Amino acid sequence: MKVSKNALADKLVYMTSFVIPLIFLPQIYVLVQSKTTAGISLLMLIFSALVQAIYLFKAIVSHQRALTVSVLSSLIPLNGVIILVIYYRYF
């Protein structure tokens, strides 16, 4: 049974979508433990979230379910980091 290139690509995107949130866990852990945001660029984080929001829009409009899952799995912890940076920096 042959698997199409598109189906293989979707499977790879689904697999990596579970890895992406894990990448953010060390940063979230350090932020919560140290309660300091030194060396973290809030502007870079916000621009990253905006770019990912554009990819999410494209994925939704073009009905690319795998890409939608992948981008959402990245946006959720990224927004968590942004919230923590804003909280610890300004409150």
C-alpha atoms as a PDB file:
ATOM      1  CA  MET A   1       0.000   0.000   0.000  1.00  0.00           C
ATOM      2  CA  LYS A   2       1.478   3.323  -1.092  1.00  0.00           C
ATOM      3  CA  VAL A   3       1.255   6.361   1.116  1.00  0.00           C
ATOM      4  CA  SER A   4       0.956   9.668  -0.690  1.00  0.00           C
ATOM      5  CA  LYS A   5       3.542  12.358  -0.077  1.00  0.00           C
ATOM      6  CA  ASN A   6       0.822  14.628   1.275  1.00  0.00           C
ATOM      7  CA  ALA A   7      -0.338  12.010   3.797  1.00  0.00           C
ATOM      8  CA  LEU A   8       3.255  11.404   4.880  1.00  0.00           C
ATOM      9  CA  ALA A   9       3.808  15.138   5.299  1.00  0.00           C
ATOM     10  CA  ASP A  10       0.647  15.382   7.411  1.00  0.00           C
ATOM     11  CA  LYS A  11       1.821  12.531   9.644  1.00  0.00           C
ATOM     12  CA  LEU A  12       5.181  14.239  10.145  1.00  0.00           C
ATOM     13  CA  VAL A  13       3.474  17.535  11.014  1.00  0.00           C
ATOM     14  CA  TYR A  14       1.193  15.780  13.520  1.00  0.00           C
ATOM     15  CA  MET A  15       4.192  14.075  15.147  1.00  0.00           C
ATOM     16  CA  THR A  16       6.139  17.304  15.475  1.00  0.00           C
ATOM     17  CA  SER A  17       3.113  19.132  16.866  1.00  0.00           C
ATOM     18  CA  PHE A  18       3.545  17.149  20.080  1.00  0.00           C
ATOM     19  CA  VAL A  19       7.236  18.062  20.302  1.00  0.00           C
ATOM     20  CA  ILE A  20       6.757  21.817  19.862  1.00  0.00           C
ATOM     21  CA  PRO A  21       5.100  22.459  23.266  1.00  0.00           C
ATOM     22  CA  LEU A  22       7.880  20.495  24.953  1.00  0.00           C
ATOM     23  CA  ILE A  23      10.404  23.000  23.588  1.00  0.00           C
ATOM     24  CA  PHE A  24       8.746  25.767  25.609  1.00  0.00           C
ATOM     25  CA  LEU A  25       8.651  23.869  28.914  1.00  0.00           C
ATOM     26  CA  PRO A  26      12.238  24.709  30.006  1.00  0.00           C
ATOM     27  CA  GLN A  27      11.628  28.415  29.356  1.00  0.00           C
ATOM     28  CA  ILE A  28       8.356  28.351  31.272  1.00  0.00           C
ATOM     29  CA  TYR A  29      10.031  26.471  34.139  1.00  0.00           C
ATOM     30  CA  VAL A  30      12.883  28.992  34.356  1.00  0.00           C
ATOM     31  CA  LEU A  31      10.455  31.927  34.254  1.00  0.00           C
ATOM     32  CA  VAL A  32       8.280  30.515  37.031  1.00  0.00           C
ATOM     33  CA  GLN A  33      11.233  29.509  39.219  1.00  0.00           C
ATOM     34  CA  SER A  34      13.326  32.666  38.808  1.00  0.00           C
ATOM     35  CA  LYS A  35      10.497  35.168  38.319  1.00  0.00           C
ATOM     36  CA  THR A  36      12.896  37.205  36.199  1.00  0.00           C
ATOM     37  CA  THR A  37      12.693  38.084  32.532  1.00  0.00           C
ATOM     38  CA  ALA A  38      16.233  39.335  31.992  1.00  0.00           C
ATOM     39  CA  GLY A  39      17.475  38.472  28.526  1.00  0.00           C
ATOM     40  CA  ILE A  40      14.020  37.711  27.108  1.00  0.00           C
ATOM     41  CA  SER A  41      12.850  39.923  24.282  1.00  0.00           C
ATOM     42  CA  LEU A  42       9.122  40.537  24.621  1.00  0.00           C
ATOM     43  CA  LEU A  43       9.064  42.175  21.187  1.00  0.00           C
ATOM     44  CA  MET A  44      10.521  39.030  19.575  1.00  0.00           C
ATOM     45  CA  LEU A  45       7.970  36.848  21.335  1.00  0.00           C
ATOM     46  CA  ILE A  46       5.090  39.053  20.213  1.00  0.00           C
ATOM     47  CA  PHE A  47       6.288  39.134  16.603  1.00  0.00           C
ATOM     48  CA  SER A  48       6.694  35.345  16.690  1.00  0.00           C
ATOM     49  CA  ALA A  49       3.105  34.988  17.899  1.00  0.00           C
ATOM     50  CA  LEU A  50       1.874  37.335  15.153  1.00  0.00           C
ATOM     51  CA  VAL A  51       3.700  35.356  12.467  1.00  0.00           C
ATOM     52  CA  GLN A  52       2.301  32.106  13.821  1.00  0.00           C
ATOM     53  CA  ALA A  53      -1.183  33.637  13.872  1.00  0.00           C
ATOM     54  CA  ILE A  54      -0.800  34.343  10.146  1.00  0.00           C
ATOM     55  CA  TYR A  55       0.210  30.707   9.557  1.00  0.00           C
ATOM     56  CA  LEU A  56      -2.787  29.611  11.618  1.00  0.00           C
ATOM     57  CA  PHE A  57      -5.100  31.764   9.498  1.00  0.00           C
ATOM     58  CA  LYS A  58      -3.615  30.245   6.317  1.00  0.00           C
ATOM     59  CA  ALA A  59      -3.995  26.726   7.700  1.00  0.00           C
ATOM     60  CA  ILE A  60      -7.633  27.296   8.658  1.00  0.00           C
ATOM     61  CA  VAL A  61      -8.580  28.975   5.394  1.00  0.00           C
ATOM     62  CA  SER A  62      -6.921  26.250   3.319  1.00  0.00           C
ATOM     63  CA  HIS A  63      -8.386  23.475   5.513  1.00  0.00           C
ATOM     64  CA  GLN A  64      -4.960  22.064   6.435  1.00  0.00           C
ATOM     65  CA  ARG A  65      -5.836  20.241   9.616  1.00  0.00           C
ATOM     66  CA  ALA A  66      -2.319  18.999  10.389  1.00  0.00           C
ATOM     67  CA  LEU A  67      -0.845  22.477  10.051  1.00  0.00           C
ATOM     68  CA  THR A  68      -3.655  23.925  12.167  1.00  0.00           C
ATOM     69  CA  VAL A  69      -2.900  21.473  14.981  1.00  0.00           C
ATOM     70  CA  SER A  70       0.828  22.133  14.710  1.00  0.00           C
ATOM     71  CA  VAL A  71       0.545  25.923  14.806  1.00  0.00           C
ATOM     72  CA  LEU A  72      -1.960  25.837  17.673  1.00  0.00           C
ATOM     73  CA  SER A  73       0.300  23.530  19.655  1.00  0.00           C
ATOM     74  CA  SER A  74       3.031  26.113  19.263  1.00  0.00           C
ATOM     75  CA  LEU A  75       0.910  29.202  19.863  1.00  0.00           C
ATOM     76  CA  ILE A  76      -0.517  28.016  23.169  1.00  0.00           C
ATOM     77  CA  PRO A  77       2.778  27.716  25.086  1.00  0.00           C
ATOM     78  CA  LEU A  78       4.236  30.742  23.262  1.00  0.00           C
ATOM     79  CA  ASN A  79       1.347  32.851  24.521  1.00  0.00           C
ATOM     80  CA  GLY A  80       1.935  31.371  27.973  1.00  0.00           C
ATOM     81  CA  VAL A  81       5.535  32.590  27.860  1.00  0.00           C
ATOM     82  CA  ILE A  82       4.369  36.029  26.688  1.00  0.00           C
ATOM     83  CA  ILE A  83       1.874  36.238  29.572  1.00  0.00           C
ATOM     84  CA  LEU A  84       4.529  35.195  32.093  1.00  0.00           C
ATOM     85  CA  VAL A  85       7.028  37.747  30.753  1.00  0.00           C
ATOM     86  CA  ILE A  86       4.430  40.531  30.906  1.00  0.00           C
ATOM     87  CA  TYR A  87       3.337  39.458  34.401  1.00  0.00           C
ATOM     88  CA  TYR A  88       6.841  39.248  35.879  1.00  0.00           C
ATOM     89  CA  ARG A  89       8.090  42.357  34.096  1.00  0.00           C
ATOM     90  CA  TYR A  90       5.187  44.720  34.753  1.00  0.00           C
ATOM     91  CA  PHE A  91       3.247  43.432  37.775  1.00  0.00           C
END
